[in-house]
């Protein structure tokens, strides 16, 4: 997946790379990004205990890592 694909999935850029001002939840972004590579995400848990699970294989693909901040 290229940076352009990620921007397209996120709805962040339009023609010429102009910002469109659209917002998406992290959950929506994750679901769309994994769909691009053929994975459907199911969610389990709540809050910091929530995990994104591969709907077909049951593997945890997304999890919160405590102690990481921006």
C-alpha atoms as a PDB file:
ATOM      1  CA  UNK A   1       0.000   0.000   0.000  1.00  0.00           C
ATOM      2  CA  UNK A   2       1.400   3.392  -0.950  1.00  0.00           C
ATOM      3  CA  UNK A   3       1.065   6.690   0.881  1.00  0.00           C
ATOM      4  CA  UNK A   4      -1.368   7.753  -1.836  1.00  0.00           C
ATOM      5  CA  UNK A   5      -3.587   4.738  -1.058  1.00  0.00           C
ATOM      6  CA  UNK A   6      -3.588   5.623   2.634  1.00  0.00           C
ATOM      7  CA  UNK A   7      -4.512   9.233   1.890  1.00  0.00           C
ATOM      8  CA  UNK A   8      -7.270   8.071  -0.461  1.00  0.00           C
ATOM      9  CA  UNK A   9      -8.630   5.641   2.139  1.00  0.00           C
ATOM     10  CA  UNK A  10      -8.533   8.318   4.826  1.00  0.00           C
ATOM     11  CA  UNK A  11     -10.299  10.802   2.528  1.00  0.00           C
ATOM     12  CA  UNK A  12      -7.574  13.291   3.302  1.00  0.00           C
ATOM     13  CA  UNK A  13      -6.800  14.483  -0.199  1.00  0.00           C
ATOM     14  CA  UNK A  14      -8.688  15.334  -3.338  1.00  0.00           C
ATOM     15  CA  UNK A  15      -7.605  16.511  -6.766  1.00  0.00           C
ATOM     16  CA  UNK A  16      -4.081  17.853  -6.688  1.00  0.00           C
ATOM     17  CA  UNK A  17      -3.641  16.642  -3.117  1.00  0.00           C
ATOM     18  CA  UNK A  18      -5.905  19.353  -1.680  1.00  0.00           C
ATOM     19  CA  UNK A  19      -7.156  18.639   1.834  1.00  0.00           C
ATOM     20  CA  UNK A  20     -10.915  17.997   1.847  1.00  0.00           C
ATOM     21  CA  UNK A  21     -11.436  18.368   5.599  1.00  0.00           C
ATOM     22  CA  UNK A  22     -13.214  15.032   5.960  1.00  0.00           C
ATOM     23  CA  UNK A  23     -12.723  13.100   9.175  1.00  0.00           C
ATOM     24  CA  UNK A  24     -12.957   9.386   9.901  1.00  0.00           C
ATOM     25  CA  UNK A  25     -12.649   7.405  13.096  1.00  0.00           C
ATOM     26  CA  UNK A  26      -9.586   5.255  13.657  1.00  0.00           C
ATOM     27  CA  UNK A  27     -11.894   2.246  13.478  1.00  0.00           C
ATOM     28  CA  UNK A  28     -13.185   3.310  10.025  1.00  0.00           C
ATOM     29  CA  UNK A  29      -9.641   3.936   8.797  1.00  0.00           C
ATOM     30  CA  UNK A  30      -8.454   0.526  10.027  1.00  0.00           C
ATOM     31  CA  UNK A  31     -11.404  -1.274   8.429  1.00  0.00           C
ATOM     32  CA  UNK A  32     -10.878   0.459   5.084  1.00  0.00           C
ATOM     33  CA  UNK A  33      -7.107  -0.037   5.124  1.00  0.00           C
ATOM     34  CA  UNK A  34      -7.330  -3.753   5.903  1.00  0.00           C
ATOM     35  CA  UNK A  35     -10.084  -4.178   3.297  1.00  0.00           C
ATOM     36  CA  UNK A  36      -7.561  -2.982   0.701  1.00  0.00           C
ATOM     37  CA  UNK A  37      -5.448  -6.056   1.438  1.00  0.00           C
ATOM     38  CA  UNK A  38      -8.365  -8.469   1.689  1.00  0.00           C
ATOM     39  CA  UNK A  39      -8.980  -8.609   5.450  1.00  0.00           C
ATOM     40  CA  UNK A  40     -12.294  -7.921   7.186  1.00  0.00           C
ATOM     41  CA  UNK A  41     -11.904  -6.660  10.747  1.00  0.00           C
ATOM     42  CA  UNK A  42     -14.237  -7.562  13.611  1.00  0.00           C
ATOM     43  CA  UNK A  43     -13.970  -5.689  16.895  1.00  0.00           C
ATOM     44  CA  UNK A  44     -13.766  -7.304  20.323  1.00  0.00           C
ATOM     45  CA  UNK A  45     -13.553  -5.618  23.732  1.00  0.00           C
ATOM     46  CA  UNK A  46     -13.948  -1.954  24.688  1.00  0.00           C
ATOM     47  CA  UNK A  47     -11.723   1.062  25.176  1.00  0.00           C
ATOM     48  CA  UNK A  48      -8.039   0.244  25.674  1.00  0.00           C
ATOM     49  CA  UNK A  49      -8.954  -3.449  25.694  1.00  0.00           C
ATOM     50  CA  UNK A  50     -10.493  -3.345  22.218  1.00  0.00           C
ATOM     51  CA  UNK A  51      -8.852  -5.451  19.502  1.00  0.00           C
ATOM     52  CA  UNK A  52      -9.337  -5.708  15.761  1.00  0.00           C
ATOM     53  CA  UNK A  53      -9.601  -9.366  14.797  1.00  0.00           C
ATOM     54  CA  UNK A  54      -9.218 -10.878  11.327  1.00  0.00           C
ATOM     55  CA  UNK A  55     -12.764 -12.122  10.646  1.00  0.00           C
ATOM     56  CA  UNK A  56     -11.492 -15.140   8.695  1.00  0.00           C
ATOM     57  CA  UNK A  57      -8.466 -16.311  10.651  1.00  0.00           C
ATOM     58  CA  UNK A  58      -9.159 -14.976  14.140  1.00  0.00           C
ATOM     59  CA  UNK A  59      -5.723 -13.350  14.446  1.00  0.00           C
ATOM     60  CA  UNK A  60      -5.408 -10.079  16.370  1.00  0.00           C
ATOM     61  CA  UNK A  61      -4.426  -7.471  13.760  1.00  0.00           C
ATOM     62  CA  UNK A  62      -5.030  -4.276  15.776  1.00  0.00           C
ATOM     63  CA  UNK A  63      -4.480  -3.672  19.486  1.00  0.00           C
ATOM     64  CA  UNK A  64      -3.871  -0.776  21.845  1.00  0.00           C
ATOM     65  CA  UNK A  65      -0.331  -0.538  23.190  1.00  0.00           C
ATOM     66  CA  UNK A  66      -0.405   1.151  26.572  1.00  0.00           C
ATOM     67  CA  UNK A  67       2.207   3.747  27.337  1.00  0.00           C
ATOM     68  CA  UNK A  68       2.592   4.971  23.770  1.00  0.00           C
ATOM     69  CA  UNK A  69       1.677   8.604  23.226  1.00  0.00           C
ATOM     70  CA  UNK A  70       2.247  11.161  20.517  1.00  0.00           C
END
